[in-house]
Amino acid sequence: MSITLRKAAVDDIQKIWQMQVEAFSGLLDKYQDYDLSPASEDAGRIRERFDQPETTYFFISAEGKDVGVIRVVDKKDGSRKRISPLWIMEEDRGKGYAQDAILAVEKIYGEHYWELDTILQEEGNLYLYEKMGYHQTGRIEHINDRMDIVFYEKD
């Protein structure tokens, strides 16, 4: 595995927010989804999620630097675990880091009974998640004329 995961601390919220805005700004420009895009969120929203007992943020580190973040939601009540969001910084994409991060969290939380969603029009995301064993549930949420959200599960 070419990455390591480092659990984020409360002092990391500002860094997580800055990375999130930067990582998702291209998608925000492309899809104009100002109400949903992680690039539109403020740091307070990250803090709200961080404070949820079921949420854990991890930095994805490779080559001596933080290349992305993955948030895992695990209610520990038998419901599906959730990845939301996962991002790799633009300059670090295409190196397998997202795949390695998914494998790493599955090693921690178990490889079965997961869910996530992504932009239907982002074929690279669809390819990644399907390669990792996720399947579309059939649920698609229309956001605007440019974008739809597709839902995935892994059993």
Protein backbone atom coordinates (compact mmCIF):
# COMPACT_ATOMS: atom_id res chain seq x y z
CA MET A 1 0.00 0.00 0.00
CA SER A 2 1.42 3.35 -1.00
CA ILE A 3 -0.45 5.45 1.58
CA THR A 4 -0.92 5.72 5.30
CA LEU A 5 -3.97 6.99 7.14
CA ARG A 6 -3.60 9.45 10.00
CA LYS A 7 -6.61 10.16 12.19
CA ALA A 8 -7.40 13.87 12.17
CA ALA A 9 -7.58 15.88 15.39
CA VAL A 10 -9.77 18.88 16.17
CA ASP A 11 -6.77 21.14 15.46
CA ASP A 12 -6.81 19.82 11.86
CA ILE A 13 -10.29 21.13 10.99
CA GLN A 14 -9.02 24.28 9.27
CA LYS A 15 -6.56 22.26 7.18
CA ILE A 16 -9.26 19.74 6.24
CA TRP A 17 -11.55 22.58 5.18
CA GLN A 18 -8.86 24.28 3.10
CA MET A 19 -7.97 21.02 1.37
CA GLN A 20 -11.64 20.22 0.75
CA VAL A 21 -12.37 23.60 -0.83
CA GLU A 22 -9.32 23.32 -3.07
CA ALA A 23 -9.97 19.69 -4.03
CA PHE A 24 -13.63 20.23 -4.94
CA SER A 25 -13.41 23.69 -6.55
CA GLY A 26 -12.99 22.26 -10.06
CA LEU A 27 -16.17 20.18 -9.68
CA LEU A 28 -18.02 23.18 -8.29
CA ASP A 29 -17.02 25.23 -11.34
CA LYS A 30 -18.01 22.38 -13.66
CA TYR A 31 -21.38 21.47 -12.12
CA GLN A 32 -22.45 24.71 -10.40
CA ASP A 33 -23.89 22.76 -7.44
CA TYR A 34 -23.52 25.55 -4.90
CA ASP A 35 -25.92 24.00 -2.37
CA LEU A 36 -24.24 20.58 -2.24
CA SER A 37 -20.61 20.97 -3.21
CA PRO A 38 -18.03 20.40 -0.50
CA ALA A 39 -16.21 23.39 -2.02
CA SER A 40 -19.12 25.60 -0.88
CA GLU A 41 -19.06 24.49 2.74
CA ASP A 42 -17.56 26.56 5.50
CA ALA A 43 -15.21 25.27 8.19
CA GLY A 44 -18.10 25.20 10.65
CA ARG A 45 -19.72 22.38 8.67
CA ILE A 46 -16.52 20.34 8.94
CA ARG A 47 -16.54 20.97 12.70
CA GLU A 48 -20.17 19.82 12.96
CA ARG A 49 -19.32 16.54 11.24
CA PHE A 50 -16.09 16.17 13.20
CA ASP A 51 -18.05 16.40 16.45
CA GLN A 52 -20.41 13.59 15.45
CA PRO A 53 -19.43 10.50 17.47
CA GLU A 54 -19.88 8.27 14.41
CA THR A 55 -17.50 10.34 12.24
CA THR A 56 -13.76 9.91 11.80
CA TYR A 57 -11.67 11.96 9.40
CA PHE A 58 -8.36 10.55 8.19
CA PHE A 59 -5.61 12.29 6.28
CA ILE A 60 -4.34 10.21 3.38
CA SER A 61 -0.55 10.56 3.36
CA ALA A 62 1.91 9.54 0.67
CA GLU A 63 5.38 10.58 -0.34
CA GLY A 64 5.78 12.50 2.92
CA LYS A 65 2.73 14.73 2.54
CA ASP A 66 -1.04 14.77 2.99
CA VAL A 67 -2.52 14.01 -0.43
CA GLY A 68 -6.17 13.77 0.55
CA VAL A 69 -8.78 13.06 3.19
CA ILE A 70 -11.38 10.36 3.76
CA ARG A 71 -14.28 10.62 6.19
CA VAL A 72 -15.80 7.44 7.57
CA VAL A 73 -19.21 7.35 9.23
CA ASP A 74 -19.74 4.26 11.38
CA LYS A 75 -22.75 4.37 13.70
CA LYS A 76 -21.80 0.95 15.10
CA ASP A 77 -25.48 0.01 15.11
CA GLY A 78 -25.49 -2.50 12.27
CA SER A 79 -26.26 0.09 9.60
CA ARG A 80 -24.01 0.56 6.60
CA LYS A 81 -20.72 2.32 7.10
CA ARG A 82 -20.33 5.35 4.85
CA ILE A 83 -17.51 7.05 2.99
CA SER A 84 -18.39 10.72 2.61
CA PRO A 85 -16.40 12.46 1.35
CA LEU A 86 -13.16 11.11 -0.07
CA TRP A 87 -10.81 13.33 -2.02
CA ILE A 88 -7.32 13.39 -3.42
CA MET A 89 -5.69 16.71 -4.18
CA GLU A 90 -5.59 17.46 -7.90
CA GLU A 91 -1.81 17.20 -8.26
CA ASP A 92 -1.84 13.76 -6.60
CA ARG A 93 -4.66 12.12 -8.55
CA GLY A 94 -4.18 9.12 -10.78
CA LYS A 95 -1.64 7.44 -8.48
CA GLY A 96 -3.97 4.91 -6.83
CA TYR A 97 -4.22 6.80 -3.53
CA ALA A 98 -8.04 6.78 -3.42
CA GLN A 99 -8.11 3.03 -4.01
CA ASP A 100 -5.50 2.49 -1.30
CA ALA A 101 -7.45 4.71 1.11
CA ILE A 102 -10.62 2.68 0.58
CA LEU A 103 -8.71 -0.55 1.19
CA ALA A 104 -7.17 0.95 4.32
CA VAL A 105 -10.49 2.01 5.87
CA GLU A 106 -12.00 -1.35 4.95
CA LYS A 107 -9.12 -2.98 6.81
CA ILE A 108 -9.96 -0.90 9.90
CA TYR A 109 -13.77 -1.09 9.76
CA GLY A 110 -14.34 -4.31 7.83
CA GLU A 111 -14.70 -4.74 4.10
CA HIS A 112 -18.44 -5.38 4.01
CA TYR A 113 -21.61 -3.30 4.34
CA TRP A 114 -20.59 0.11 3.01
CA GLU A 115 -22.34 2.91 1.11
CA LEU A 116 -21.32 6.05 -0.68
CA ASP A 117 -22.50 8.37 -3.42
CA THR A 118 -20.79 10.25 -6.21
CA ILE A 119 -21.43 12.33 -9.29
CA LEU A 120 -22.88 10.16 -12.05
CA GLN A 121 -21.13 12.20 -14.74
CA GLU A 122 -17.68 11.59 -13.23
CA GLU A 123 -16.77 8.36 -15.03
CA GLY A 124 -13.45 8.01 -13.21
CA ASN A 125 -15.26 7.92 -9.87
CA LEU A 126 -17.72 5.32 -11.14
CA TYR A 127 -14.86 3.19 -12.43
CA LEU A 128 -13.00 3.42 -9.12
CA TYR A 129 -15.94 2.46 -6.93
CA GLU A 130 -17.07 -0.38 -9.19
CA LYS A 131 -13.49 -1.67 -9.33
CA MET A 132 -13.52 -1.67 -5.51
CA GLY A 133 -16.62 -3.89 -5.42
CA TYR A 134 -19.33 -1.24 -5.01
CA HIS A 135 -22.50 -1.55 -7.06
CA GLN A 136 -25.10 1.04 -7.99
CA THR A 137 -28.29 0.77 -5.97
CA GLY A 138 -30.48 2.14 -8.74
CA ARG A 139 -31.11 5.37 -6.84
CA ILE A 140 -30.12 8.50 -8.74
CA GLU A 141 -30.83 12.01 -7.52
CA HIS A 142 -31.08 14.75 -10.13
CA ILE A 143 -29.29 17.88 -8.89
CA ASN A 144 -29.30 20.19 -11.91
CA ASP A 145 -29.00 20.10 -15.70
CA ARG A 146 -25.31 19.24 -15.42
CA MET A 147 -25.22 16.76 -12.56
CA ASP A 148 -26.82 13.74 -10.92
CA ILE A 149 -25.81 11.87 -7.76
CA VAL A 150 -25.63 8.07 -7.98
CA PHE A 151 -25.72 5.87 -4.89
CA TYR A 152 -23.51 2.83 -4.30
CA GLU A 153 -23.37 -0.04 -1.82
CA LYS A 154 -20.90 -2.79 -1.08
CA ASP A 155 -22.11 -5.93 0.69
